[in-house]
Amino acid sequence: MAALAGCASKTPLPDNSATAPAGNADATVVTDTSGVQTVKHRRFLGIFSPYRIDIQQGNFVSKEMLAQVKEGMTREQVRFALGTPLITDLFHDNRWDYVFRLQKGNGEITTSRVSAFFNGNLLARIDGGNLPTENEYLDQISGGAAEAKKSVKNVEIAPSVPSAPAPAKN
C-alpha cells in the first residue's frame, strides 16, 4: 500500500539529470535549464531502425501562450490562455501542471512542464522556463527547415496554364 501512496504535485517527469532513461544505455540526453528535455536514441548498426509513429501527449505550451499569462489573472483566464491543465492535484488545489511529451518515431523524446500556482482564485506565479515558440515546435514536428527545403526541392512546378481567349467583339 505504501508504494501506491503519493501525490501529483511531485515532478511527473523524469529529473533533468544527464543520464539515459532506464533500459536505454545507448540514448543521448540533451537538457537545458528551461525544463525542456530531449532524448535521442541511436540506430542499430548506425542505419537500421524500425518504423515508429510520433506520439504526442499532454498540453503543449508555447512561449507565445505563456506570454499571455500574467500574475493576478483568474483561473478561468489562465484556462482560456493555456487550456485545461493535464494534472490537478486534489490535495494541492492551488497548483496546475501542464505536462507535455513528444516521442518522435526516430526515438527523440522531448518533454516540458509548466506549473501555475494560485492564491485563492488569482494566479500567484507561473514556472515554466524557456519554452519553444509555436514555429520552433512545428519545425520539430515536421523535421526542421532542412526537411522543408528538401520537400520543396522535390516538388515539380506545374507549367503555367494558358489564359482563356478574350471574347470576340462584334
N, C-alpha and C. Protein backbone atom coordinates (compact mmCIF):
# COMPACT_ATOMS: atom_id res chain seq x y z
N MET A 1 0.81 -1.18 0.00
CA MET A 1 0.00 0.00 0.00
C MET A 1 0.86 1.26 0.00
N ALA A 2 1.94 1.23 0.74
CA ALA A 2 2.79 2.42 0.84
C ALA A 2 3.41 2.76 -0.50
N ALA A 3 3.59 1.78 -1.36
CA ALA A 3 4.18 2.04 -2.68
C ALA A 3 3.23 2.82 -3.57
N LEU A 4 1.94 2.71 -3.31
CA LEU A 4 0.95 3.41 -4.12
C LEU A 4 0.69 4.82 -3.63
N ALA A 5 1.15 5.15 -2.43
CA ALA A 5 0.91 6.47 -1.86
C ALA A 5 1.77 7.51 -2.57
N GLY A 6 1.25 8.69 -2.70
CA GLY A 6 1.98 9.78 -3.34
C GLY A 6 0.99 10.83 -3.78
N CYS A 7 1.50 11.90 -4.35
CA CYS A 7 0.59 12.92 -4.84
C CYS A 7 1.11 13.44 -6.18
N ALA A 8 0.22 14.05 -6.92
CA ALA A 8 0.55 14.51 -8.27
C ALA A 8 1.43 15.75 -8.23
N SER A 9 1.62 16.36 -7.08
CA SER A 9 2.44 17.56 -7.03
C SER A 9 3.92 17.26 -7.16
N LYS A 10 4.28 15.97 -7.02
CA LYS A 10 5.67 15.61 -7.26
C LYS A 10 5.94 15.74 -8.74
N THR A 11 7.17 15.93 -9.11
CA THR A 11 7.51 16.14 -10.51
C THR A 11 7.09 14.92 -11.33
N PRO A 12 6.13 15.11 -12.29
CA PRO A 12 5.65 13.98 -13.06
C PRO A 12 6.61 13.55 -14.15
N LEU A 13 7.62 14.32 -14.42
CA LEU A 13 8.59 14.00 -15.46
C LEU A 13 9.88 13.52 -14.82
N PRO A 14 10.69 12.80 -15.59
CA PRO A 14 11.98 12.38 -15.04
C PRO A 14 12.83 13.59 -14.70
N ASP A 15 13.77 13.41 -13.79
CA ASP A 15 14.63 14.52 -13.42
C ASP A 15 15.47 14.96 -14.60
N ASN A 16 16.03 16.16 -14.51
CA ASN A 16 16.78 16.74 -15.62
C ASN A 16 18.25 16.38 -15.57
N SER A 17 18.58 15.24 -15.00
CA SER A 17 19.97 14.82 -14.98
C SER A 17 20.36 14.31 -16.35
N ALA A 18 21.64 14.28 -16.63
CA ALA A 18 22.11 13.91 -17.95
C ALA A 18 22.35 12.41 -18.05
N THR A 19 21.43 11.63 -17.51
CA THR A 19 21.54 10.19 -17.62
C THR A 19 20.48 9.68 -18.57
N ALA A 20 20.74 8.55 -19.18
CA ALA A 20 19.79 7.96 -20.11
C ALA A 20 18.65 7.33 -19.34
N PRO A 21 17.45 7.29 -19.95
CA PRO A 21 16.33 6.64 -19.28
C PRO A 21 16.63 5.17 -19.02
N ALA A 22 15.92 4.59 -18.07
CA ALA A 22 16.17 3.21 -17.70
C ALA A 22 15.99 2.29 -18.89
N GLY A 23 16.93 1.40 -19.09
CA GLY A 23 16.85 0.44 -20.19
C GLY A 23 17.36 0.97 -21.51
N ASN A 24 17.80 2.21 -21.57
CA ASN A 24 18.28 2.80 -22.81
C ASN A 24 19.70 3.29 -22.63
N ALA A 25 20.63 2.40 -22.51
CA ALA A 25 22.02 2.78 -22.28
C ALA A 25 22.62 3.46 -23.49
N ASP A 26 22.00 3.28 -24.66
CA ASP A 26 22.55 3.88 -25.87
C ASP A 26 21.87 5.20 -26.22
N ALA A 27 21.15 5.79 -25.30
CA ALA A 27 20.45 7.04 -25.56
C ALA A 27 21.31 8.23 -25.16
N THR A 28 21.09 9.36 -25.84
CA THR A 28 21.78 10.60 -25.55
C THR A 28 20.75 11.59 -25.02
N VAL A 29 21.03 12.22 -23.87
CA VAL A 29 20.10 13.15 -23.26
C VAL A 29 20.65 14.56 -23.41
N VAL A 30 19.81 15.47 -23.92
CA VAL A 30 20.16 16.88 -24.05
C VAL A 30 19.19 17.65 -23.17
N THR A 31 19.71 18.36 -22.16
CA THR A 31 18.88 19.08 -21.22
C THR A 31 19.36 20.52 -21.12
N ASP A 32 18.40 21.45 -21.11
CA ASP A 32 18.75 22.83 -20.82
C ASP A 32 18.09 23.22 -19.51
N THR A 33 18.34 24.42 -19.03
CA THR A 33 17.84 24.84 -17.73
C THR A 33 16.38 25.25 -17.78
N SER A 34 15.74 25.18 -18.93
CA SER A 34 14.36 25.63 -19.07
C SER A 34 13.34 24.60 -18.64
N GLY A 35 13.75 23.36 -18.45
CA GLY A 35 12.79 22.33 -18.13
C GLY A 35 12.42 21.49 -19.33
N VAL A 36 12.95 21.83 -20.51
CA VAL A 36 12.70 21.05 -21.72
C VAL A 36 13.83 20.05 -21.86
N GLN A 37 13.48 18.77 -22.00
CA GLN A 37 14.48 17.71 -22.07
C GLN A 37 14.27 16.94 -23.37
N THR A 38 15.34 16.66 -24.09
CA THR A 38 15.28 15.92 -25.33
C THR A 38 16.18 14.70 -25.23
N VAL A 39 15.64 13.53 -25.56
CA VAL A 39 16.39 12.28 -25.53
C VAL A 39 16.44 11.75 -26.95
N LYS A 40 17.63 11.44 -27.45
CA LYS A 40 17.79 10.90 -28.80
C LYS A 40 18.34 9.49 -28.70
N HIS A 41 17.72 8.56 -29.41
CA HIS A 41 18.16 7.18 -29.42
C HIS A 41 18.98 6.90 -30.67
N ARG A 42 19.95 6.04 -30.52
CA ARG A 42 20.80 5.67 -31.65
C ARG A 42 20.14 4.57 -32.46
N ARG A 43 20.60 4.40 -33.70
CA ARG A 43 20.08 3.37 -34.58
C ARG A 43 20.93 2.11 -34.48
N PHE A 44 20.35 0.98 -34.84
CA PHE A 44 21.05 -0.29 -34.85
C PHE A 44 22.04 -0.30 -36.00
N LEU A 45 23.30 -0.53 -35.73
CA LEU A 45 24.38 -0.51 -36.72
C LEU A 45 24.48 0.82 -37.45
N GLY A 46 23.94 1.87 -36.85
CA GLY A 46 24.05 3.20 -37.43
C GLY A 46 23.05 3.51 -38.52
N ILE A 47 22.37 2.50 -39.10
CA ILE A 47 21.44 2.79 -40.20
C ILE A 47 20.07 2.17 -40.04
N PHE A 48 19.95 1.06 -39.33
CA PHE A 48 18.67 0.35 -39.25
C PHE A 48 17.86 0.81 -38.05
N SER A 49 16.57 1.00 -38.28
CA SER A 49 15.65 1.27 -37.19
C SER A 49 14.25 0.90 -37.65
N PRO A 50 13.43 0.35 -36.76
CA PRO A 50 12.05 0.00 -37.15
C PRO A 50 11.21 1.26 -37.29
N TYR A 51 10.12 1.17 -38.04
CA TYR A 51 9.21 2.30 -38.19
C TYR A 51 8.46 2.52 -36.88
N ARG A 52 8.43 3.76 -36.42
CA ARG A 52 7.70 4.12 -35.22
C ARG A 52 6.94 5.40 -35.49
N ILE A 53 5.73 5.49 -34.96
CA ILE A 53 4.92 6.70 -35.14
C ILE A 53 5.31 7.74 -34.11
N ASP A 54 4.96 9.00 -34.39
CA ASP A 54 5.16 10.07 -33.43
C ASP A 54 4.02 10.02 -32.42
N ILE A 55 4.34 10.15 -31.13
CA ILE A 55 3.34 10.12 -30.08
C ILE A 55 3.44 11.43 -29.29
N GLN A 56 2.34 12.18 -29.29
CA GLN A 56 2.28 13.44 -28.55
C GLN A 56 1.29 13.28 -27.42
N GLN A 57 1.69 13.66 -26.21
CA GLN A 57 0.84 13.55 -25.04
C GLN A 57 0.91 14.82 -24.23
N GLY A 58 -0.21 15.23 -23.67
CA GLY A 58 -0.23 16.35 -22.76
C GLY A 58 -0.56 17.66 -23.43
N ASN A 59 -0.26 18.74 -22.72
CA ASN A 59 -0.55 20.10 -23.16
C ASN A 59 0.71 20.77 -23.66
N PHE A 60 0.74 21.14 -24.95
CA PHE A 60 1.86 21.92 -25.44
C PHE A 60 1.63 23.37 -25.08
N VAL A 61 2.57 23.97 -24.39
CA VAL A 61 2.51 25.38 -24.02
C VAL A 61 3.67 26.07 -24.70
N SER A 62 3.37 27.04 -25.56
CA SER A 62 4.42 27.75 -26.30
C SER A 62 4.82 29.03 -25.56
N LYS A 63 5.89 29.62 -26.05
CA LYS A 63 6.38 30.88 -25.48
C LYS A 63 5.31 31.98 -25.63
N GLU A 64 4.60 31.97 -26.77
CA GLU A 64 3.55 32.97 -27.00
C GLU A 64 2.39 32.80 -26.04
N MET A 65 2.02 31.55 -25.77
CA MET A 65 0.92 31.29 -24.84
C MET A 65 1.30 31.72 -23.42
N LEU A 66 2.53 31.43 -23.03
CA LEU A 66 2.99 31.79 -21.69
C LEU A 66 3.09 33.31 -21.51
N ALA A 67 3.38 34.02 -22.61
CA ALA A 67 3.48 35.48 -22.54
C ALA A 67 2.12 36.13 -22.28
N GLN A 68 1.03 35.44 -22.61
CA GLN A 68 -0.31 35.99 -22.38
C GLN A 68 -0.73 35.91 -20.92
N VAL A 69 -0.07 35.06 -20.15
CA VAL A 69 -0.47 34.82 -18.76
C VAL A 69 0.30 35.78 -17.84
N LYS A 70 -0.43 36.49 -17.00
CA LYS A 70 0.15 37.46 -16.06
C LYS A 70 -0.35 37.16 -14.65
N GLU A 71 0.44 37.55 -13.66
CA GLU A 71 0.03 37.39 -12.26
C GLU A 71 -1.24 38.19 -12.03
N GLY A 72 -2.13 37.64 -11.21
CA GLY A 72 -3.38 38.31 -10.90
C GLY A 72 -4.53 37.87 -11.79
N MET A 73 -4.27 37.04 -12.80
CA MET A 73 -5.36 36.54 -13.66
C MET A 73 -6.16 35.50 -12.88
N THR A 74 -7.44 35.36 -13.23
CA THR A 74 -8.29 34.36 -12.59
C THR A 74 -8.02 32.98 -13.20
N ARG A 75 -8.52 31.95 -12.53
CA ARG A 75 -8.34 30.58 -13.02
C ARG A 75 -8.96 30.42 -14.41
N GLU A 76 -10.10 31.05 -14.64
CA GLU A 76 -10.77 30.94 -15.93
C GLU A 76 -9.93 31.59 -17.04
N GLN A 77 -9.31 32.71 -16.73
CA GLN A 77 -8.46 33.39 -17.72
C GLN A 77 -7.23 32.54 -18.05
N VAL A 78 -6.63 31.92 -17.03
CA VAL A 78 -5.47 31.05 -17.25
C VAL A 78 -5.89 29.84 -18.08
N ARG A 79 -7.02 29.26 -17.78
CA ARG A 79 -7.53 28.11 -18.54
C ARG A 79 -7.78 28.50 -19.99
N PHE A 80 -8.28 29.71 -20.22
CA PHE A 80 -8.52 30.17 -21.59
C PHE A 80 -7.20 30.34 -22.34
N ALA A 81 -6.17 30.85 -21.68
CA ALA A 81 -4.88 31.11 -22.34
C ALA A 81 -4.07 29.84 -22.55
N LEU A 82 -4.04 28.93 -21.57
CA LEU A 82 -3.18 27.75 -21.63
C LEU A 82 -3.92 26.45 -21.89
N GLY A 83 -5.23 26.44 -21.72
CA GLY A 83 -6.00 25.22 -21.87
C GLY A 83 -6.22 24.57 -20.52
N THR A 84 -6.95 23.47 -20.55
CA THR A 84 -7.22 22.73 -19.32
C THR A 84 -5.95 22.03 -18.86
N PRO A 85 -5.59 22.17 -17.59
CA PRO A 85 -4.35 21.54 -17.12
C PRO A 85 -4.43 20.02 -17.18
N LEU A 86 -3.31 19.40 -17.46
CA LEU A 86 -3.25 17.94 -17.52
C LEU A 86 -3.34 17.35 -16.12
N ILE A 87 -2.71 18.00 -15.15
CA ILE A 87 -2.68 17.48 -13.79
C ILE A 87 -3.21 18.54 -12.83
N THR A 88 -4.24 18.18 -12.10
CA THR A 88 -4.71 18.98 -10.97
C THR A 88 -4.73 18.05 -9.78
N ASP A 89 -4.09 18.46 -8.72
CA ASP A 89 -3.94 17.62 -7.53
C ASP A 89 -5.06 17.92 -6.56
N LEU A 90 -5.71 16.89 -6.08
CA LEU A 90 -6.80 17.02 -5.13
C LEU A 90 -6.32 17.62 -3.81
N PHE A 91 -5.09 17.31 -3.43
CA PHE A 91 -4.56 17.77 -2.14
C PHE A 91 -3.88 19.14 -2.25
N HIS A 92 -3.56 19.58 -3.45
CA HIS A 92 -2.94 20.89 -3.66
C HIS A 92 -3.75 21.62 -4.73
N ASP A 93 -4.89 22.16 -4.32
CA ASP A 93 -5.81 22.79 -5.26
C ASP A 93 -5.25 24.06 -5.87
N ASN A 94 -4.18 24.58 -5.29
CA ASN A 94 -3.62 25.85 -5.75
C ASN A 94 -2.56 25.66 -6.84
N ARG A 95 -2.42 24.46 -7.39
CA ARG A 95 -1.38 24.20 -8.39
C ARG A 95 -1.96 23.46 -9.59
N TRP A 96 -1.63 23.95 -10.79
CA TRP A 96 -1.98 23.27 -12.04
C TRP A 96 -0.69 22.95 -12.77
N ASP A 97 -0.60 21.75 -13.33
CA ASP A 97 0.57 21.35 -14.09
C ASP A 97 0.19 21.06 -15.54
N TYR A 98 0.93 21.65 -16.45
CA TYR A 98 0.78 21.41 -17.88
C TYR A 98 2.01 20.62 -18.32
N VAL A 99 1.84 19.32 -18.48
CA VAL A 99 2.94 18.42 -18.82
C VAL A 99 2.82 18.07 -20.30
N PHE A 100 3.96 18.05 -20.99
CA PHE A 100 3.98 17.76 -22.43
C PHE A 100 5.08 16.75 -22.72
N ARG A 101 4.79 15.81 -23.62
CA ARG A 101 5.78 14.82 -24.05
C ARG A 101 5.55 14.51 -25.51
N LEU A 102 6.60 14.61 -26.31
CA LEU A 102 6.56 14.26 -27.73
C LEU A 102 7.63 13.22 -27.98
N GLN A 103 7.22 12.03 -28.41
CA GLN A 103 8.16 10.98 -28.76
C GLN A 103 8.07 10.77 -30.25
N LYS A 104 9.13 11.15 -30.95
CA LYS A 104 9.16 11.02 -32.41
C LYS A 104 9.51 9.58 -32.77
N GLY A 105 9.21 9.21 -33.98
CA GLY A 105 9.46 7.87 -34.46
C GLY A 105 10.93 7.50 -34.48
N ASN A 106 11.80 8.49 -34.58
CA ASN A 106 13.24 8.21 -34.60
C ASN A 106 13.82 8.01 -33.20
N GLY A 107 12.96 8.05 -32.18
CA GLY A 107 13.41 7.82 -30.80
C GLY A 107 13.66 9.09 -30.03
N GLU A 108 13.60 10.24 -30.65
CA GLU A 108 13.82 11.51 -29.97
C GLU A 108 12.62 11.83 -29.09
N ILE A 109 12.87 12.12 -27.82
CA ILE A 109 11.81 12.42 -26.87
C ILE A 109 12.01 13.82 -26.33
N THR A 110 10.97 14.65 -26.40
CA THR A 110 11.01 16.00 -25.87
C THR A 110 9.94 16.14 -24.81
N THR A 111 10.31 16.64 -23.64
CA THR A 111 9.35 16.84 -22.56
C THR A 111 9.48 18.26 -22.02
N SER A 112 8.38 18.77 -21.49
CA SER A 112 8.41 20.07 -20.82
C SER A 112 7.29 20.10 -19.78
N ARG A 113 7.41 21.03 -18.85
CA ARG A 113 6.42 21.17 -17.79
C ARG A 113 6.26 22.64 -17.44
N VAL A 114 5.01 23.08 -17.32
CA VAL A 114 4.69 24.43 -16.85
C VAL A 114 3.76 24.26 -15.67
N SER A 115 4.04 24.96 -14.57
CA SER A 115 3.21 24.88 -13.37
C SER A 115 2.67 26.27 -13.05
N ALA A 116 1.37 26.33 -12.80
CA ALA A 116 0.71 27.58 -12.40
C ALA A 116 0.28 27.45 -10.94
N PHE A 117 0.64 28.44 -10.14
CA PHE A 117 0.32 28.44 -8.72
C PHE A 117 -0.67 29.56 -8.43
N PHE A 118 -1.72 29.24 -7.70
CA PHE A 118 -2.79 30.19 -7.41
C PHE A 118 -2.84 30.51 -5.93
N ASN A 119 -3.28 31.72 -5.64
CA ASN A 119 -3.59 32.14 -4.28
C ASN A 119 -5.07 32.47 -4.29
N GLY A 120 -5.88 31.52 -3.83
CA GLY A 120 -7.33 31.66 -3.96
C GLY A 120 -7.72 31.41 -5.40
N ASN A 121 -8.35 32.40 -6.02
CA ASN A 121 -8.77 32.29 -7.42
C ASN A 121 -7.83 33.04 -8.36
N LEU A 122 -6.78 33.69 -7.82
CA LEU A 122 -5.89 34.51 -8.64
C LEU A 122 -4.52 33.84 -8.80
N LEU A 123 -3.94 34.03 -9.97
CA LEU A 123 -2.63 33.45 -10.28
C LEU A 123 -1.55 34.17 -9.47
N ALA A 124 -0.78 33.41 -8.70
CA ALA A 124 0.30 33.98 -7.88
C ALA A 124 1.61 33.97 -8.66
N ARG A 125 1.95 32.84 -9.31
CA ARG A 125 3.18 32.75 -10.10
C ARG A 125 3.06 31.60 -11.07
N ILE A 126 3.95 31.62 -12.05
CA ILE A 126 3.98 30.54 -13.04
C ILE A 126 5.42 30.14 -13.28
N ASP A 127 5.69 28.85 -13.27
CA ASP A 127 7.03 28.31 -13.52
C ASP A 127 7.00 27.57 -14.84
N GLY A 128 7.93 27.90 -15.72
CA GLY A 128 7.93 27.20 -16.99
C GLY A 128 9.24 27.27 -17.72
N GLY A 129 10.00 28.29 -17.48
CA GLY A 129 11.30 28.37 -18.13
C GLY A 129 11.23 28.83 -19.57
N ASN A 130 12.23 28.45 -20.32
CA ASN A 130 12.40 28.88 -21.70
C ASN A 130 11.76 27.85 -22.62
N LEU A 131 10.52 28.09 -23.03
CA LEU A 131 9.77 27.16 -23.86
C LEU A 131 9.97 27.50 -25.34
N PRO A 132 9.75 26.54 -26.24
CA PRO A 132 9.87 26.83 -27.67
C PRO A 132 8.69 27.66 -28.17
N THR A 133 8.90 28.38 -29.26
CA THR A 133 7.81 29.10 -29.90
C THR A 133 6.99 28.11 -30.70
N GLU A 134 5.83 28.54 -31.18
CA GLU A 134 4.99 27.65 -31.98
C GLU A 134 5.68 27.26 -33.28
N ASN A 135 6.42 28.19 -33.90
CA ASN A 135 7.14 27.87 -35.14
C ASN A 135 8.26 26.86 -34.90
N GLU A 136 8.96 27.00 -33.78
CA GLU A 136 10.01 26.02 -33.46
C GLU A 136 9.42 24.64 -33.23
N TYR A 137 8.25 24.59 -32.60
CA TYR A 137 7.59 23.32 -32.38
C TYR A 137 7.15 22.69 -33.70
N LEU A 138 6.60 23.49 -34.60
CA LEU A 138 6.19 22.98 -35.91
C LEU A 138 7.39 22.50 -36.72
N ASP A 139 8.52 23.21 -36.61
CA ASP A 139 9.75 22.75 -37.27
C ASP A 139 10.20 21.41 -36.71
N GLN A 140 10.08 21.24 -35.41
CA GLN A 140 10.49 19.99 -34.78
C GLN A 140 9.60 18.84 -35.23
N ILE A 141 8.31 19.08 -35.34
CA ILE A 141 7.39 18.03 -35.77
C ILE A 141 7.65 17.65 -37.22
N SER A 142 7.83 18.65 -38.07
CA SER A 142 7.99 18.39 -39.50
C SER A 142 9.40 17.95 -39.88
N GLY A 143 10.34 18.01 -38.97
CA GLY A 143 11.70 17.59 -39.28
C GLY A 143 12.64 18.76 -39.46
N GLY A 144 12.18 19.97 -39.28
CA GLY A 144 13.04 21.14 -39.34
C GLY A 144 13.10 21.79 -40.70
N ALA A 145 13.86 22.85 -40.79
CA ALA A 145 13.98 23.63 -42.02
C ALA A 145 14.64 22.84 -43.13
N ALA A 146 15.61 21.97 -42.80
CA ALA A 146 16.30 21.18 -43.82
C ALA A 146 15.32 20.24 -44.51
N GLU A 147 14.43 19.64 -43.74
CA GLU A 147 13.42 18.73 -44.30
C GLU A 147 12.44 19.50 -45.17
N ALA A 148 12.08 20.73 -44.75
CA ALA A 148 11.16 21.54 -45.54
C ALA A 148 11.79 21.93 -46.87
N LYS A 149 13.09 22.30 -46.88
CA LYS A 149 13.76 22.65 -48.12
C LYS A 149 13.82 21.45 -49.06
N LYS A 150 14.07 20.25 -48.50
CA LYS A 150 14.15 19.05 -49.31
C LYS A 150 12.80 18.76 -49.97
N SER A 151 11.70 18.93 -49.22
CA SER A 151 10.39 18.65 -49.78
C SER A 151 10.01 19.67 -50.84
N VAL A 152 10.43 20.93 -50.67
CA VAL A 152 10.14 21.94 -51.68
C VAL A 152 10.97 21.67 -52.93
N LYS A 153 12.19 21.19 -52.77
CA LYS A 153 13.06 20.91 -53.92
C LYS A 153 12.50 19.77 -54.76
N ASN A 154 11.85 18.79 -54.12
CA ASN A 154 11.33 17.63 -54.83
C ASN A 154 9.98 17.88 -55.49
N VAL A 155 9.34 18.99 -55.21
CA VAL A 155 8.04 19.29 -55.81
C VAL A 155 8.26 19.86 -57.20
N GLU A 156 7.57 19.26 -58.17
CA GLU A 156 7.68 19.77 -59.53
C GLU A 156 6.76 20.97 -59.68
N ILE A 157 7.24 21.97 -60.38
CA ILE A 157 6.44 23.16 -60.60
C ILE A 157 5.57 22.92 -61.82
N ALA A 158 4.27 23.14 -61.66
CA ALA A 158 3.33 22.91 -62.76
C ALA A 158 3.55 23.97 -63.84
N PRO A 159 3.43 23.56 -65.12
CA PRO A 159 3.57 24.55 -66.19
C PRO A 159 2.45 25.58 -66.08
N SER A 160 2.72 26.76 -66.56
CA SER A 160 1.72 27.82 -66.47
C SER A 160 0.52 27.47 -67.34
N VAL A 161 -0.63 27.76 -66.83
CA VAL A 161 -1.88 27.45 -67.54
C VAL A 161 -2.19 28.60 -68.47
N PRO A 162 -2.46 28.31 -69.76
CA PRO A 162 -2.77 29.40 -70.69
C PRO A 162 -4.08 30.07 -70.29
N SER A 163 -4.13 31.36 -70.48
CA SER A 163 -5.34 32.09 -70.13
C SER A 163 -6.40 31.88 -71.20
N ALA A 164 -7.63 32.07 -70.81
CA ALA A 164 -8.74 31.91 -71.76
C ALA A 164 -8.68 33.02 -72.81
N PRO A 165 -9.09 32.71 -74.04
CA PRO A 165 -9.06 33.75 -75.08
C PRO A 165 -10.05 34.86 -74.76
N ALA A 166 -9.72 36.05 -75.18
CA ALA A 166 -10.59 37.20 -74.96
C ALA A 166 -11.84 37.05 -75.81
N PRO A 167 -12.97 37.50 -75.31
CA PRO A 167 -14.22 37.40 -76.11
C PRO A 167 -14.12 38.24 -77.38
N ALA A 168 -14.70 37.72 -78.44
CA ALA A 168 -14.67 38.43 -79.75
C ALA A 168 -15.64 39.59 -79.72
N LYS A 169 -15.22 40.70 -80.33
CA LYS A 169 -16.08 41.89 -80.39
C LYS A 169 -16.88 41.85 -81.70
N ASN A 170 -18.15 42.15 -81.66
CA ASN A 170 -18.99 42.18 -82.86
C ASN A 170 -19.21 43.54 -83.35
